[in-house]
Amino acid sequence: MPRAQASHILVETETQASSLKQEIEGGKPFADLAKQHSKCPSGQEGGSLGEFAKGAMVPEFDQVVFGDLPIGEVSEPVKTQFGYHLLIVEKRIG
């Protein structure tokens, strides 16, 4: 089964997610912004979700993490039932 290691930032609005993406693209560290803004407890770990198998996360999340998002690149905002996520894949296994 495919596995990945990824991090995310979870916020309430698409506007907030887009603004954070611009800050990251401007050079702000993803982990620092996760600690400051993420609503997920993983934010305290810089947004790290560790390693997980395909199917362990909600489908919208899996589509991006196991899709064609290049390793190390920040996704566009991804809407799930929890809010809006920015995702970054550190590695894929299998």
C-alpha atoms as a PDB file:
ATOM      1  CA  MET A   1       0.000   0.000   0.000  1.00  0.00           C
ATOM      2  CA  PRO A   2       1.387   3.449  -0.901  1.00  0.00           C
ATOM      3  CA  ARG A   3       2.532   5.607   1.985  1.00  0.00           C
ATOM      4  CA  ALA A   4       3.546   9.239   2.289  1.00  0.00           C
ATOM      5  CA  GLN A   5       5.047  11.673   4.733  1.00  0.00           C
ATOM      6  CA  ALA A   6       3.384  15.074   4.658  1.00  0.00           C
ATOM      7  CA  SER A   7       2.615  18.244   6.574  1.00  0.00           C
ATOM      8  CA  HIS A   8      -0.339  20.581   6.466  1.00  0.00           C
ATOM      9  CA  ILE A   9      -1.752  23.845   7.704  1.00  0.00           C
ATOM     10  CA  LEU A  10      -5.472  23.838   8.484  1.00  0.00           C
ATOM     11  CA  VAL A  11      -7.407  27.131   8.483  1.00  0.00           C
ATOM     12  CA  GLU A  12     -11.067  28.148   8.264  1.00  0.00           C
ATOM     13  CA  THR A  13     -11.177  30.040   4.961  1.00  0.00           C
ATOM     14  CA  GLU A  14      -9.807  29.683   1.453  1.00  0.00           C
ATOM     15  CA  THR A  15      -8.723  33.332   1.614  1.00  0.00           C
ATOM     16  CA  GLN A  16      -6.600  32.646   4.692  1.00  0.00           C
ATOM     17  CA  ALA A  17      -5.077  29.540   3.065  1.00  0.00           C
ATOM     18  CA  SER A  18      -4.229  31.503  -0.104  1.00  0.00           C
ATOM     19  CA  SER A  19      -2.644  34.279   1.945  1.00  0.00           C
ATOM     20  CA  LEU A  20      -0.478  31.783   3.844  1.00  0.00           C
ATOM     21  CA  LYS A  21       0.566  30.132   0.567  1.00  0.00           C
ATOM     22  CA  GLN A  22       1.771  33.541  -0.667  1.00  0.00           C
ATOM     23  CA  GLU A  23       3.758  34.019   2.554  1.00  0.00           C
ATOM     24  CA  ILE A  24       5.410  30.601   2.082  1.00  0.00           C
ATOM     25  CA  GLU A  25       6.220  31.405  -1.538  1.00  0.00           C
ATOM     26  CA  GLY A  26       7.709  34.679  -0.262  1.00  0.00           C
ATOM     27  CA  GLY A  27      10.130  32.756   1.920  1.00  0.00           C
ATOM     28  CA  LYS A  28       8.369  32.239   5.255  1.00  0.00           C
ATOM     29  CA  PRO A  29       8.943  28.724   6.648  1.00  0.00           C
ATOM     30  CA  PHE A  30       5.955  26.378   6.289  1.00  0.00           C
ATOM     31  CA  ALA A  31       6.515  24.975   9.809  1.00  0.00           C
ATOM     32  CA  ASP A  32       6.542  28.432  11.413  1.00  0.00           C
ATOM     33  CA  LEU A  33       3.248  29.375   9.761  1.00  0.00           C
ATOM     34  CA  ALA A  34       1.732  26.019  10.771  1.00  0.00           C
ATOM     35  CA  LYS A  35       2.655  26.695  14.411  1.00  0.00           C
ATOM     36  CA  GLN A  36       1.116  30.182  14.239  1.00  0.00           C
ATOM     37  CA  HIS A  37      -2.043  29.519  12.222  1.00  0.00           C
ATOM     38  CA  SER A  38      -3.040  25.840  11.961  1.00  0.00           C
ATOM     39  CA  LYS A  39      -6.228  24.750  13.742  1.00  0.00           C
ATOM     40  CA  CYS A  40      -4.950  21.152  13.778  1.00  0.00           C
ATOM     41  CA  PRO A  41      -2.981  19.894  16.795  1.00  0.00           C
ATOM     42  CA  SER A  42      -0.243  18.934  14.311  1.00  0.00           C
ATOM     43  CA  GLY A  43       0.429  22.667  13.949  1.00  0.00           C
ATOM     44  CA  GLN A  44       2.510  22.508  17.126  1.00  0.00           C
ATOM     45  CA  GLU A  45       4.760  20.024  15.286  1.00  0.00           C
ATOM     46  CA  GLY A  46       5.130  22.405  12.344  1.00  0.00           C
ATOM     47  CA  GLY A  47       2.161  20.758  10.641  1.00  0.00           C
ATOM     48  CA  SER A  48       3.839  17.351  10.398  1.00  0.00           C
ATOM     49  CA  LEU A  49       1.470  14.420  10.032  1.00  0.00           C
ATOM     50  CA  GLY A  50       4.307  11.906   9.969  1.00  0.00           C
ATOM     51  CA  GLU A  51       4.018   8.896   7.696  1.00  0.00           C
ATOM     52  CA  PHE A  52       0.619   7.487   6.766  1.00  0.00           C
ATOM     53  CA  ALA A  53      -0.959   5.071   4.304  1.00  0.00           C
ATOM     54  CA  LYS A  54      -3.211   5.967   1.409  1.00  0.00           C
ATOM     55  CA  GLY A  55      -6.776   5.874   2.708  1.00  0.00           C
ATOM     56  CA  ALA A  56      -5.854   7.012   6.236  1.00  0.00           C
ATOM     57  CA  MET A  57      -6.876  10.605   5.500  1.00  0.00           C
ATOM     58  CA  VAL A  58     -10.019  12.096   3.960  1.00  0.00           C
ATOM     59  CA  PRO A  59     -10.337  11.519   0.171  1.00  0.00           C
ATOM     60  CA  GLU A  60      -9.661  15.161  -0.798  1.00  0.00           C
ATOM     61  CA  PHE A  61      -6.407  14.991   1.176  1.00  0.00           C
ATOM     62  CA  ASP A  62      -5.343  11.666  -0.395  1.00  0.00           C
ATOM     63  CA  GLN A  63      -6.003  12.970  -3.916  1.00  0.00           C
ATOM     64  CA  VAL A  64      -3.381  15.672  -3.422  1.00  0.00           C
ATOM     65  CA  VAL A  65      -0.850  13.758  -1.310  1.00  0.00           C
ATOM     66  CA  PHE A  66      -0.892  10.680  -3.554  1.00  0.00           C
ATOM     67  CA  GLY A  67      -1.541  12.659  -6.740  1.00  0.00           C
ATOM     68  CA  ASP A  68       0.844  14.713  -8.832  1.00  0.00           C
ATOM     69  CA  LEU A  69       1.858  17.401  -6.312  1.00  0.00           C
ATOM     70  CA  PRO A  70       5.663  17.593  -6.592  1.00  0.00           C
ATOM     71  CA  ILE A  71       7.615  16.658  -3.449  1.00  0.00           C
ATOM     72  CA  GLY A  72       8.394  19.759  -1.410  1.00  0.00           C
ATOM     73  CA  GLU A  73       5.901  22.014  -3.211  1.00  0.00           C
ATOM     74  CA  VAL A  74       2.957  23.625  -1.393  1.00  0.00           C
ATOM     75  CA  SER A  75      -0.496  22.729  -2.708  1.00  0.00           C
ATOM     76  CA  GLU A  76      -3.270  25.082  -3.617  1.00  0.00           C
ATOM     77  CA  PRO A  77      -5.902  25.288  -0.837  1.00  0.00           C
ATOM     78  CA  VAL A  78      -7.693  21.932  -0.425  1.00  0.00           C
ATOM     79  CA  LYS A  79     -11.224  21.982   1.012  1.00  0.00           C
ATOM     80  CA  THR A  80     -12.320  19.183   3.360  1.00  0.00           C
ATOM     81  CA  GLN A  81     -15.008  18.918   6.031  1.00  0.00           C
ATOM     82  CA  PHE A  82     -12.441  20.332   8.481  1.00  0.00           C
ATOM     83  CA  GLY A  83     -11.669  23.529   6.571  1.00  0.00           C
ATOM     84  CA  TYR A  84      -8.952  24.488   4.090  1.00  0.00           C
ATOM     85  CA  HIS A  85      -5.554  22.828   4.024  1.00  0.00           C
ATOM     86  CA  LEU A  86      -2.207  23.692   2.516  1.00  0.00           C
ATOM     87  CA  LEU A  87      -0.300  20.460   1.991  1.00  0.00           C
ATOM     88  CA  ILE A  88       3.350  19.691   1.436  1.00  0.00           C
ATOM     89  CA  VAL A  89       4.575  16.167   0.694  1.00  0.00           C
ATOM     90  CA  GLU A  90       8.010  15.326   2.071  1.00  0.00           C
ATOM     91  CA  LYS A  91       8.196  11.834   0.552  1.00  0.00           C
ATOM     92  CA  ARG A  92       6.175   9.038  -1.021  1.00  0.00           C
ATOM     93  CA  ILE A  93       6.896   5.359  -0.408  1.00  0.00           C
ATOM     94  CA  GLY A  94       5.669   2.692  -2.783  1.00  0.00           C
END
